[in-house]
Amino acid sequence: MTTNRLPYRLVHSGQSAEPSLKEQPQQAEVSIERWKGSRHWAVFVDGKLLALAVYKKGALAIRERILR
């Protein structure tokens, strides 16, 4: 049984293998603060709420995971 496959060709786009400085992802700004006077901790990424944690240790763990 034969399959009709297209021939494999390597296409070179003329760009280098390393991304330029403009293309590298920027580090997210992550902040932790109390949530509206409650005992919960809010984790914000670039000013937007990402998660609420009951304990500060949990909020710090979320922040560390994002920044890796």
Foldseek 3Di string as FASTA:
>chain_A
DDDDDDDDDDDDPPDDPDDDPVPDDDFWDWDWDDDPPDQWIFIDTNNHTDDIGNDVVVNVVVVVVSRD
